[in-house]
Amino acid sequence: MIDAEAGGGSLTGIPAVRQSLAARPPGASIVSYKREAQDAGEMMLAISRLTRVTDGSRELLEREPVKQAMGRLMPAISFTEFRGYGVYTETRSAVGNFGLIGSVVGE
């Protein structure tokens, strides 16, 4: 966001970002935004491999229909608050964070 602002642009021009910022908790000190859908792609590959629908090869993510579907996913946005008992982070994403699933499935 800082780089966009310094370059004369702003992420607040993106409707999904504006909506997410409007819905942020009042105590959020840090807001992060992630447009990439890499986690969703990893999840789809892992599920397709586990269900034996495909071999889970990364080439599947390069197909145009898959790219278009990934481009329609909502961005992931995280809000971090500093509370009396510690740091609280909430992430809102259309598909969630699948790092744990990826680590279980492995390569």
Protein backbone atom coordinates (compact mmCIF):
# COMPACT_ATOMS: atom_id res chain seq x y z
CA MET A 1 0.00 0.00 0.00
CA ILE A 2 2.87 2.34 0.79
CA ASP A 3 4.50 1.70 -2.59
CA ALA A 4 1.17 2.26 -4.37
CA GLU A 5 0.64 5.55 -2.55
CA ALA A 6 4.21 6.71 -3.25
CA GLY A 7 3.72 5.89 -6.94
CA GLY A 8 0.57 8.01 -7.13
CA GLY A 9 -1.78 5.03 -7.00
CA SER A 10 -3.84 3.58 -4.23
CA LEU A 11 -5.30 0.19 -3.45
CA THR A 12 -8.39 1.92 -2.06
CA GLY A 13 -9.50 2.36 -5.67
CA ILE A 14 -10.14 -1.39 -5.79
CA PRO A 15 -13.75 -2.08 -4.68
CA ALA A 16 -12.85 -5.30 -2.83
CA VAL A 17 -10.20 -3.46 -0.80
CA ARG A 18 -12.60 -0.62 0.01
CA GLN A 19 -15.23 -3.11 1.20
CA SER A 20 -12.71 -4.98 3.32
CA LEU A 21 -11.40 -1.82 4.94
CA ALA A 22 -14.93 -0.69 5.72
CA ALA A 23 -15.59 -4.02 7.47
CA ARG A 24 -12.40 -3.98 9.56
CA PRO A 25 -12.67 -4.24 13.34
CA PRO A 26 -12.45 -0.85 15.07
CA GLY A 27 -9.29 -1.83 16.98
CA ALA A 28 -7.34 -3.10 13.96
CA SER A 29 -3.85 -1.58 14.01
CA ILE A 30 -2.45 -3.48 11.04
CA VAL A 31 -4.34 -4.37 7.87
CA SER A 32 -2.78 -6.62 5.23
CA TYR A 33 -4.11 -7.43 1.78
CA LYS A 34 -3.18 -10.38 -0.42
CA ARG A 35 -4.54 -10.52 -3.96
CA GLU A 36 -2.67 -13.62 -5.09
CA ALA A 37 -4.65 -16.83 -5.03
CA GLN A 38 -1.62 -19.10 -4.67
CA ASP A 39 -3.00 -20.74 -1.52
CA ALA A 40 -6.24 -21.55 -3.34
CA GLY A 41 -4.31 -23.08 -6.23
CA GLU A 42 -2.25 -25.19 -3.85
CA MET A 43 -5.44 -26.36 -2.15
CA MET A 44 -7.07 -27.31 -5.45
CA LEU A 45 -3.99 -29.28 -6.50
CA ALA A 46 -3.85 -31.08 -3.15
CA ILE A 47 -7.54 -31.99 -3.25
CA SER A 48 -7.35 -33.17 -6.86
CA ARG A 49 -4.34 -35.31 -5.99
CA LEU A 50 -5.99 -36.75 -2.84
CA THR A 51 -9.23 -37.55 -4.64
CA ARG A 52 -7.26 -38.97 -7.58
CA VAL A 53 -9.04 -36.72 -10.06
CA THR A 54 -5.68 -35.50 -11.40
CA ASP A 55 -2.03 -36.09 -10.65
CA GLY A 56 -1.90 -32.63 -9.02
CA SER A 57 0.70 -31.29 -11.45
CA ARG A 58 1.34 -27.54 -11.39
CA GLU A 59 0.65 -27.29 -15.12
CA LEU A 60 -3.05 -27.43 -14.27
CA LEU A 61 -2.77 -23.95 -12.74
CA GLU A 62 -1.55 -22.59 -16.09
CA ARG A 63 -4.74 -23.53 -17.97
CA GLU A 64 -6.82 -20.53 -18.95
CA PRO A 65 -10.12 -21.65 -17.32
CA VAL A 66 -8.29 -22.20 -14.03
CA LYS A 67 -6.56 -18.80 -14.26
CA GLN A 68 -9.92 -17.13 -14.89
CA ALA A 69 -11.52 -18.89 -11.92
CA MET A 70 -8.61 -17.93 -9.66
CA GLY A 71 -8.89 -14.32 -10.83
CA ARG A 72 -12.49 -14.16 -9.59
CA LEU A 73 -11.62 -15.14 -6.01
CA MET A 74 -11.97 -12.47 -3.35
CA PRO A 75 -8.71 -11.16 -1.94
CA ALA A 76 -7.49 -12.27 1.48
CA ILE A 77 -7.38 -9.50 4.04
CA SER A 78 -6.01 -9.75 7.58
CA PHE A 79 -6.62 -7.51 10.56
CA THR A 80 -4.23 -7.44 13.51
CA GLU A 81 -5.18 -6.03 16.89
CA PHE A 82 -3.04 -5.56 19.97
CA ARG A 83 -5.10 -6.67 22.95
CA GLY A 84 -4.39 -6.88 26.65
CA TYR A 85 -3.80 -10.64 26.45
CA GLY A 86 -1.68 -10.57 23.29
CA VAL A 87 -1.80 -10.10 19.55
CA TYR A 88 -4.95 -11.18 17.70
CA THR A 89 -4.95 -11.66 13.92
CA GLU A 90 -8.05 -12.46 11.88
CA THR A 91 -7.84 -13.39 8.20
CA ARG A 92 -10.84 -13.24 5.89
CA SER A 93 -10.50 -15.10 2.64
CA ALA A 94 -12.81 -16.72 0.14
CA VAL A 95 -10.81 -19.94 0.43
CA GLY A 96 -8.88 -19.56 3.67
CA ASN A 97 -5.23 -20.19 4.34
CA PHE A 98 -4.25 -23.68 3.32
CA GLY A 99 -0.66 -23.74 4.51
CA LEU A 100 -1.49 -26.38 7.11
CA ILE A 101 -3.28 -28.61 4.60
CA GLY A 102 -0.36 -28.25 2.20
CA SER A 103 2.10 -29.28 4.90
CA VAL A 104 0.01 -32.37 5.71
CA VAL A 105 -0.36 -33.40 2.06
CA GLY A 106 3.28 -32.69 1.27
CA GLU A 107 4.83 -32.77 -2.18
